[in-house]
């Protein structure tokens, strides 16, 4: 049996990109705050007071993962949690002043990291790259969470 060409396998290439991103993140951005943790901070900058479930949906984290990320950010005093006065089952999240300072500091580092990460591509290629990976990511998300119409049994 012949070996397959892994350069034609999107999962293999995505893993290599993720490995490169992880290395750059740890060396240029932060060894303490992960990319998913930053995504939560960033979401709360844009929309303070969101509930934990909604933040998880915004950043693409499942229920147990967002709970762990929020727990870590809370222990680091970067995020405050408070019970929703209208629904005691929900936690509402806000950045602490330290969380806001951390977000601001990391945003500058992330911009530099992204420049290095995308340096092999021209501006036009970067725009194309983002458009294509966003389309694939959206389609993959649809596979994970099909719409009710698509999931409904056919008569």
N, C-alpha and C. Protein backbone atom coordinates (compact mmCIF):
# COMPACT_ATOMS: atom_id res chain seq x y z
N UNK A 1 0.85 -1.17 0.00
CA UNK A 1 0.00 0.00 0.00
C UNK A 1 0.90 1.24 0.00
N UNK A 2 0.52 2.23 -0.79
CA UNK A 2 1.31 3.46 -0.91
C UNK A 2 0.97 4.43 0.22
N UNK A 3 1.95 5.20 0.61
CA UNK A 3 1.72 6.24 1.62
C UNK A 3 0.87 7.35 1.02
N UNK A 4 0.07 7.98 1.86
CA UNK A 4 -0.75 9.10 1.40
C UNK A 4 0.06 10.39 1.54
N UNK A 5 -0.29 11.35 0.73
CA UNK A 5 0.35 12.67 0.77
C UNK A 5 -0.34 13.50 1.84
N UNK A 6 0.31 13.66 2.99
CA UNK A 6 -0.32 14.37 4.10
C UNK A 6 -0.53 15.85 3.82
N UNK A 7 0.13 16.40 2.82
CA UNK A 7 -0.09 17.81 2.48
C UNK A 7 -1.46 18.03 1.85
N UNK A 8 -2.16 16.94 1.56
CA UNK A 8 -3.52 17.04 1.02
C UNK A 8 -4.57 16.74 2.10
N UNK A 9 -4.14 16.57 3.34
CA UNK A 9 -5.05 16.26 4.45
C UNK A 9 -5.21 17.51 5.32
N UNK A 10 -6.40 18.11 5.30
CA UNK A 10 -6.60 19.36 6.05
C UNK A 10 -6.35 19.20 7.54
N UNK A 11 -6.70 18.08 8.13
CA UNK A 11 -6.48 17.88 9.55
C UNK A 11 -5.00 17.90 9.90
N UNK A 12 -4.18 17.29 9.06
CA UNK A 12 -2.74 17.27 9.29
C UNK A 12 -2.18 18.69 9.22
N UNK A 13 -2.60 19.44 8.21
CA UNK A 13 -2.11 20.81 8.06
C UNK A 13 -2.64 21.71 9.19
N UNK A 14 -3.88 21.50 9.59
CA UNK A 14 -4.44 22.28 10.69
C UNK A 14 -3.66 22.01 11.98
N UNK A 15 -3.29 20.75 12.21
CA UNK A 15 -2.51 20.42 13.40
C UNK A 15 -1.14 21.09 13.37
N UNK A 16 -0.51 21.11 12.19
CA UNK A 16 0.79 21.78 12.07
C UNK A 16 0.67 23.27 12.32
N UNK A 17 -0.38 23.88 11.77
CA UNK A 17 -0.63 25.30 12.04
C UNK A 17 -0.85 25.54 13.53
N UNK A 18 -1.63 24.67 14.16
CA UNK A 18 -1.91 24.82 15.58
C UNK A 18 -0.62 24.69 16.40
N UNK A 19 0.25 23.77 16.03
CA UNK A 19 1.52 23.61 16.73
C UNK A 19 2.37 24.88 16.60
N UNK A 20 2.42 25.43 15.40
CA UNK A 20 3.20 26.67 15.19
C UNK A 20 2.59 27.82 15.99
N UNK A 21 1.27 27.91 15.98
CA UNK A 21 0.59 28.96 16.73
C UNK A 21 0.87 28.82 18.22
N UNK A 22 0.79 27.61 18.73
CA UNK A 22 1.03 27.36 20.15
C UNK A 22 2.45 27.78 20.54
N UNK A 23 3.42 27.43 19.72
CA UNK A 23 4.81 27.81 19.99
C UNK A 23 4.96 29.33 20.01
N UNK A 24 4.42 30.00 19.00
CA UNK A 24 4.50 31.46 18.95
C UNK A 24 3.76 32.09 20.12
N UNK A 25 2.59 31.56 20.45
CA UNK A 25 1.81 32.11 21.56
C UNK A 25 2.63 32.06 22.84
N UNK A 26 3.21 30.90 23.12
CA UNK A 26 3.97 30.74 24.38
C UNK A 26 5.23 31.58 24.42
N UNK A 27 5.84 31.84 23.28
CA UNK A 27 7.08 32.63 23.28
C UNK A 27 6.83 34.12 23.13
N UNK A 28 5.77 34.51 22.44
CA UNK A 28 5.56 35.93 22.14
C UNK A 28 4.40 36.57 22.91
N UNK A 29 3.45 35.77 23.36
CA UNK A 29 2.25 36.35 23.98
C UNK A 29 2.24 36.07 25.48
N UNK A 30 2.09 34.80 25.87
CA UNK A 30 1.98 34.49 27.28
C UNK A 30 2.15 33.00 27.53
N UNK A 31 2.86 32.68 28.58
CA UNK A 31 2.93 31.30 29.05
C UNK A 31 1.84 31.02 30.07
N UNK A 32 1.23 32.08 30.61
CA UNK A 32 0.22 31.93 31.66
C UNK A 32 -1.20 31.94 31.12
N UNK A 33 -1.48 32.80 30.15
CA UNK A 33 -2.82 32.93 29.58
C UNK A 33 -2.84 32.22 28.23
N UNK A 34 -3.74 31.25 28.08
CA UNK A 34 -3.84 30.50 26.83
C UNK A 34 -4.68 31.29 25.81
N UNK A 35 -4.60 30.84 24.58
CA UNK A 35 -5.40 31.47 23.53
C UNK A 35 -6.90 31.38 23.84
N UNK A 36 -7.44 30.23 24.27
CA UNK A 36 -8.86 30.21 24.64
C UNK A 36 -9.19 31.13 25.82
N UNK A 37 -8.29 31.24 26.79
CA UNK A 37 -8.52 32.16 27.90
C UNK A 37 -8.56 33.60 27.40
N UNK A 38 -7.64 33.94 26.48
CA UNK A 38 -7.66 35.29 25.91
C UNK A 38 -8.97 35.52 25.15
N UNK A 39 -9.46 34.51 24.45
CA UNK A 39 -10.72 34.66 23.71
C UNK A 39 -11.86 35.02 24.66
N UNK A 40 -11.86 34.43 25.85
CA UNK A 40 -12.89 34.76 26.84
C UNK A 40 -12.71 36.20 27.31
N UNK A 41 -11.48 36.60 27.63
CA UNK A 41 -11.24 37.99 28.04
C UNK A 41 -11.70 38.94 26.94
N UNK A 42 -11.36 38.63 25.71
CA UNK A 42 -11.70 39.49 24.58
C UNK A 42 -13.21 39.61 24.40
N UNK A 43 -13.91 38.50 24.56
CA UNK A 43 -15.37 38.51 24.44
C UNK A 43 -15.98 39.39 25.52
N UNK A 44 -15.42 39.33 26.73
CA UNK A 44 -15.97 40.13 27.82
C UNK A 44 -15.60 41.60 27.71
N UNK A 45 -14.54 41.93 26.97
CA UNK A 45 -14.27 43.34 26.66
C UNK A 45 -15.37 43.86 25.76
N UNK A 46 -15.73 43.05 24.75
CA UNK A 46 -16.75 43.46 23.79
C UNK A 46 -18.15 43.45 24.38
N UNK A 47 -18.43 42.46 25.25
CA UNK A 47 -19.78 42.29 25.79
C UNK A 47 -19.73 41.94 27.28
N UNK A 48 -19.44 42.91 28.13
CA UNK A 48 -19.39 42.63 29.57
C UNK A 48 -20.75 42.18 30.09
N UNK A 49 -20.71 41.26 31.06
CA UNK A 49 -21.95 40.81 31.69
C UNK A 49 -22.64 39.67 30.99
N UNK A 50 -21.97 39.06 30.01
CA UNK A 50 -22.56 37.88 29.37
C UNK A 50 -22.58 36.72 30.35
N UNK A 51 -23.51 35.80 30.13
CA UNK A 51 -23.51 34.59 30.94
C UNK A 51 -22.46 33.62 30.41
N UNK A 52 -22.05 32.71 31.26
CA UNK A 52 -20.96 31.78 30.95
C UNK A 52 -21.26 30.95 29.70
N UNK A 53 -22.48 30.46 29.55
CA UNK A 53 -22.85 29.64 28.39
C UNK A 53 -22.69 30.43 27.09
N UNK A 54 -23.15 31.67 27.10
CA UNK A 54 -23.07 32.50 25.89
C UNK A 54 -21.61 32.80 25.54
N UNK A 55 -20.78 33.08 26.54
CA UNK A 55 -19.36 33.31 26.27
C UNK A 55 -18.78 32.06 25.62
N UNK A 56 -19.10 30.89 26.14
CA UNK A 56 -18.62 29.63 25.55
C UNK A 56 -19.04 29.49 24.10
N UNK A 57 -20.28 29.82 23.80
CA UNK A 57 -20.75 29.76 22.41
C UNK A 57 -20.00 30.74 21.53
N UNK A 58 -19.76 31.95 22.03
CA UNK A 58 -19.07 32.98 21.24
C UNK A 58 -17.65 32.55 20.86
N UNK A 59 -16.98 31.84 21.77
CA UNK A 59 -15.58 31.48 21.52
C UNK A 59 -15.42 30.02 21.08
N UNK A 60 -16.51 29.29 20.95
CA UNK A 60 -16.45 27.93 20.44
C UNK A 60 -15.95 26.90 21.45
N UNK A 61 -16.31 27.10 22.73
CA UNK A 61 -15.92 26.14 23.77
C UNK A 61 -17.17 25.45 24.31
N UNK A 62 -17.06 24.14 24.54
CA UNK A 62 -18.20 23.40 25.08
C UNK A 62 -18.40 23.75 26.56
N UNK A 63 -19.48 23.28 27.11
CA UNK A 63 -19.91 23.66 28.46
C UNK A 63 -18.85 23.36 29.52
N UNK A 64 -18.27 22.16 29.49
CA UNK A 64 -17.29 21.82 30.52
C UNK A 64 -15.99 22.60 30.34
N UNK A 65 -15.59 22.84 29.10
CA UNK A 65 -14.35 23.58 28.85
C UNK A 65 -14.49 25.03 29.26
N UNK A 66 -15.61 25.67 28.93
CA UNK A 66 -15.78 27.07 29.31
C UNK A 66 -15.83 27.18 30.83
N UNK A 67 -16.42 26.21 31.52
CA UNK A 67 -16.45 26.25 32.98
C UNK A 67 -15.03 26.21 33.55
N UNK A 68 -14.18 25.37 32.98
CA UNK A 68 -12.79 25.28 33.46
C UNK A 68 -12.01 26.55 33.14
N UNK A 69 -12.18 27.09 31.94
CA UNK A 69 -11.49 28.33 31.56
C UNK A 69 -11.91 29.47 32.49
N UNK A 70 -13.21 29.60 32.72
CA UNK A 70 -13.70 30.67 33.59
C UNK A 70 -13.20 30.47 35.02
N UNK A 71 -13.15 29.23 35.46
CA UNK A 71 -12.64 28.94 36.80
C UNK A 71 -11.18 29.39 36.93
N UNK A 72 -10.38 29.11 35.95
CA UNK A 72 -8.96 29.53 35.99
C UNK A 72 -8.83 31.05 35.96
N UNK A 73 -9.62 31.69 35.10
CA UNK A 73 -9.55 33.15 35.03
C UNK A 73 -10.05 33.80 36.32
N UNK A 74 -11.02 33.18 36.96
CA UNK A 74 -11.53 33.68 38.23
C UNK A 74 -10.48 33.52 39.33
N UNK A 75 -9.83 32.35 39.37
CA UNK A 75 -8.76 32.14 40.36
C UNK A 75 -7.62 33.13 40.19
N UNK A 76 -7.36 33.55 38.96
CA UNK A 76 -6.31 34.54 38.70
C UNK A 76 -6.80 35.97 38.91
N UNK A 77 -8.04 36.12 39.32
CA UNK A 77 -8.66 37.43 39.56
C UNK A 77 -8.70 38.29 38.30
N UNK A 78 -8.91 37.64 37.15
CA UNK A 78 -9.05 38.36 35.88
C UNK A 78 -10.52 38.51 35.48
N UNK A 79 -11.36 37.64 36.03
CA UNK A 79 -12.79 37.64 35.74
C UNK A 79 -13.55 37.53 37.05
N UNK A 80 -14.62 38.30 37.16
CA UNK A 80 -15.56 38.19 38.28
C UNK A 80 -16.80 37.44 37.80
N UNK A 81 -17.31 36.55 38.66
CA UNK A 81 -18.55 35.83 38.38
C UNK A 81 -19.59 36.28 39.40
N UNK A 82 -20.79 36.51 38.91
CA UNK A 82 -21.89 36.78 39.84
C UNK A 82 -23.14 36.09 39.32
N UNK A 83 -23.97 35.67 40.24
CA UNK A 83 -25.23 35.02 39.86
C UNK A 83 -26.13 36.02 39.16
N UNK A 84 -26.78 35.54 38.12
CA UNK A 84 -27.76 36.36 37.40
C UNK A 84 -28.96 36.58 38.34
N UNK A 85 -29.31 37.83 38.63
CA UNK A 85 -30.44 38.08 39.54
C UNK A 85 -31.77 37.58 38.98
N UNK A 86 -31.85 37.43 37.64
CA UNK A 86 -33.08 36.96 37.02
C UNK A 86 -33.13 35.44 36.88
N UNK A 87 -31.96 34.78 36.99
CA UNK A 87 -31.89 33.33 36.82
C UNK A 87 -30.69 32.83 37.62
N UNK A 88 -30.92 32.34 38.81
CA UNK A 88 -29.86 31.92 39.72
C UNK A 88 -29.00 30.78 39.21
N UNK A 89 -29.43 30.15 38.12
CA UNK A 89 -28.62 29.06 37.55
C UNK A 89 -27.49 29.59 36.68
N UNK A 90 -27.58 30.84 36.27
CA UNK A 90 -26.61 31.41 35.33
C UNK A 90 -25.58 32.25 36.07
N UNK A 91 -24.34 32.21 35.53
CA UNK A 91 -23.28 33.08 36.01
C UNK A 91 -23.06 34.18 35.00
N UNK A 92 -23.01 35.41 35.46
CA UNK A 92 -22.69 36.56 34.62
C UNK A 92 -21.22 36.90 34.84
N UNK A 93 -20.52 37.23 33.76
CA UNK A 93 -19.07 37.41 33.82
C UNK A 93 -18.69 38.83 33.44
N UNK A 94 -17.70 39.34 34.15
CA UNK A 94 -17.13 40.65 33.85
C UNK A 94 -15.64 40.60 34.12
N UNK A 95 -14.90 41.37 33.35
CA UNK A 95 -13.47 41.48 33.61
C UNK A 95 -13.23 42.32 34.86
N UNK A 96 -12.23 41.93 35.61
CA UNK A 96 -11.75 42.76 36.71
C UNK A 96 -10.84 43.83 36.11
N UNK A 97 -10.47 44.84 36.87
CA UNK A 97 -9.48 45.80 36.35
C UNK A 97 -8.18 45.11 35.90
N UNK A 98 -7.76 44.09 36.66
CA UNK A 98 -6.58 43.33 36.27
C UNK A 98 -6.81 42.57 34.96
N UNK A 99 -8.02 42.06 34.79
CA UNK A 99 -8.37 41.36 33.55
C UNK A 99 -8.32 42.30 32.35
N UNK A 100 -8.80 43.51 32.54
CA UNK A 100 -8.76 44.50 31.46
C UNK A 100 -7.32 44.87 31.12
N UNK A 101 -6.47 45.07 32.14
CA UNK A 101 -5.06 45.38 31.89
C UNK A 101 -4.36 44.22 31.17
N UNK A 102 -4.68 42.99 31.57
CA UNK A 102 -4.09 41.81 30.93
C UNK A 102 -4.51 41.76 29.47
N UNK A 103 -5.79 41.99 29.20
CA UNK A 103 -6.28 42.00 27.81
C UNK A 103 -5.53 43.03 26.98
N UNK A 104 -5.39 44.23 27.51
CA UNK A 104 -4.72 45.31 26.78
C UNK A 104 -3.27 44.94 26.48
N UNK A 105 -2.57 44.41 27.48
CA UNK A 105 -1.17 44.03 27.32
C UNK A 105 -1.02 42.91 26.28
N UNK A 106 -1.88 41.92 26.33
CA UNK A 106 -1.77 40.78 25.41
C UNK A 106 -2.18 41.15 23.99
N UNK A 107 -3.10 42.08 23.85
CA UNK A 107 -3.55 42.48 22.52
C UNK A 107 -2.39 42.99 21.67
N UNK A 108 -1.50 43.77 22.28
CA UNK A 108 -0.33 44.28 21.56
C UNK A 108 0.58 43.13 21.16
N UNK A 109 0.80 42.19 22.06
CA UNK A 109 1.66 41.04 21.76
C UNK A 109 1.07 40.15 20.68
N UNK A 110 -0.24 39.98 20.73
CA UNK A 110 -0.91 39.14 19.73
C UNK A 110 -0.78 39.75 18.34
N UNK A 111 -0.89 41.06 18.25
CA UNK A 111 -0.74 41.72 16.95
C UNK A 111 0.64 41.43 16.36
N UNK A 112 1.68 41.51 17.19
CA UNK A 112 3.03 41.19 16.71
C UNK A 112 3.16 39.72 16.32
N UNK A 113 2.59 38.85 17.13
CA UNK A 113 2.65 37.42 16.83
C UNK A 113 1.95 37.11 15.51
N UNK A 114 0.78 37.72 15.30
CA UNK A 114 0.04 37.47 14.06
C UNK A 114 0.81 37.96 12.84
N UNK A 115 1.50 39.08 12.97
CA UNK A 115 2.32 39.56 11.86
C UNK A 115 3.37 38.53 11.48
N UNK A 116 4.04 37.97 12.47
CA UNK A 116 5.06 36.96 12.21
C UNK A 116 4.44 35.68 11.66
N UNK A 117 3.34 35.26 12.25
CA UNK A 117 2.67 34.02 11.83
C UNK A 117 2.22 34.10 10.38
N UNK A 118 1.73 35.27 9.97
CA UNK A 118 1.19 35.42 8.62
C UNK A 118 2.18 36.03 7.63
N UNK A 119 3.40 36.25 8.06
CA UNK A 119 4.42 36.90 7.20
C UNK A 119 4.63 36.22 5.85
N UNK A 120 4.48 34.90 5.73
CA UNK A 120 4.67 34.30 4.41
C UNK A 120 3.62 34.69 3.37
N UNK A 121 2.53 35.32 3.81
CA UNK A 121 1.43 35.67 2.90
C UNK A 121 1.37 37.17 2.66
N UNK A 122 1.04 37.54 1.44
CA UNK A 122 0.79 38.95 1.13
C UNK A 122 -0.53 39.36 1.79
N UNK A 123 -0.83 40.65 1.79
CA UNK A 123 -2.08 41.13 2.37
C UNK A 123 -3.29 40.50 1.68
N UNK A 124 -3.22 40.38 0.35
CA UNK A 124 -4.32 39.77 -0.39
C UNK A 124 -4.45 38.29 -0.03
N UNK A 125 -3.32 37.60 0.09
CA UNK A 125 -3.35 36.18 0.44
C UNK A 125 -3.87 35.99 1.87
N UNK A 126 -3.53 36.91 2.76
CA UNK A 126 -4.04 36.83 4.13
C UNK A 126 -5.56 36.96 4.15
N UNK A 127 -6.09 37.89 3.39
CA UNK A 127 -7.54 38.06 3.32
C UNK A 127 -8.21 36.80 2.76
N UNK A 128 -7.62 36.23 1.72
CA UNK A 128 -8.15 35.00 1.13
C UNK A 128 -8.06 33.85 2.15
N UNK A 129 -6.92 33.72 2.81
CA UNK A 129 -6.70 32.69 3.81
C UNK A 129 -7.76 32.76 4.90
N UNK A 130 -7.99 33.96 5.46
CA UNK A 130 -8.99 34.11 6.51
C UNK A 130 -10.39 33.78 5.99
N UNK A 131 -10.71 34.22 4.79
CA UNK A 131 -12.02 33.91 4.24
C UNK A 131 -12.24 32.41 4.08
N UNK A 132 -11.21 31.72 3.60
CA UNK A 132 -11.34 30.28 3.39
C UNK A 132 -11.40 29.50 4.70
N UNK A 133 -10.52 29.83 5.65
CA UNK A 133 -10.56 29.06 6.90
C UNK A 133 -11.82 29.38 7.70
N UNK A 134 -12.33 30.60 7.56
CA UNK A 134 -13.59 30.92 8.24
C UNK A 134 -14.73 30.11 7.65
N UNK A 135 -14.74 29.97 6.33
CA UNK A 135 -15.80 29.19 5.68
C UNK A 135 -15.74 27.72 6.11
N UNK A 136 -14.53 27.16 6.16
CA UNK A 136 -14.38 25.77 6.59
C UNK A 136 -14.76 25.63 8.07
N UNK A 137 -14.33 26.58 8.91
CA UNK A 137 -14.66 26.53 10.34
C UNK A 137 -16.17 26.62 10.54
N UNK A 138 -16.83 27.50 9.80
CA UNK A 138 -18.29 27.63 9.91
C UNK A 138 -18.98 26.33 9.50
N UNK A 139 -18.51 25.72 8.41
CA UNK A 139 -19.09 24.46 7.95
C UNK A 139 -18.85 23.35 8.98
N UNK A 140 -17.67 23.33 9.58
CA UNK A 140 -17.37 22.33 10.60
C UNK A 140 -18.27 22.54 11.82
N UNK A 141 -18.51 23.78 12.18
CA UNK A 141 -19.40 24.07 13.32
C UNK A 141 -20.82 23.60 13.00
N UNK A 142 -21.23 23.76 11.78
CA UNK A 142 -22.56 23.30 11.37
C UNK A 142 -22.65 21.77 11.48
N UNK A 143 -21.56 21.06 11.20
CA UNK A 143 -21.55 19.61 11.36
C UNK A 143 -21.68 19.22 12.83
N UNK A 144 -21.05 20.02 13.71
CA UNK A 144 -21.12 19.75 15.15
C UNK A 144 -22.49 20.08 15.72
N UNK A 145 -23.11 21.14 15.20
CA UNK A 145 -24.40 21.62 15.72
C UNK A 145 -25.34 21.88 14.55
N UNK A 146 -25.85 20.83 13.93
CA UNK A 146 -26.74 21.05 12.78
C UNK A 146 -27.98 21.83 13.18
N UNK A 147 -28.45 22.63 12.25
CA UNK A 147 -29.66 23.39 12.52
C UNK A 147 -30.82 22.43 12.73
N UNK A 148 -31.84 22.92 13.41
CA UNK A 148 -32.98 22.05 13.69
C UNK A 148 -33.63 21.54 12.41
N UNK A 149 -33.63 22.40 11.39
CA UNK A 149 -34.22 22.00 10.11
C UNK A 149 -33.46 20.84 9.50
N UNK A 150 -32.12 20.96 9.51
CA UNK A 150 -31.30 19.90 8.92
C UNK A 150 -31.36 18.64 9.76
N UNK A 151 -31.54 18.78 11.08
CA UNK A 151 -31.54 17.63 11.97
C UNK A 151 -32.91 16.94 12.03
N UNK A 152 -33.95 17.64 11.57
CA UNK A 152 -35.29 17.06 11.64
C UNK A 152 -35.41 15.84 10.73
N UNK A 153 -36.11 14.81 11.20
CA UNK A 153 -36.28 13.62 10.37
C UNK A 153 -37.09 13.96 9.12
N UNK A 154 -36.74 13.29 8.06
CA UNK A 154 -37.46 13.52 6.79
C UNK A 154 -38.68 12.62 6.73
N UNK A 155 -39.78 13.16 6.19
CA UNK A 155 -41.00 12.36 6.10
C UNK A 155 -40.88 11.22 5.11
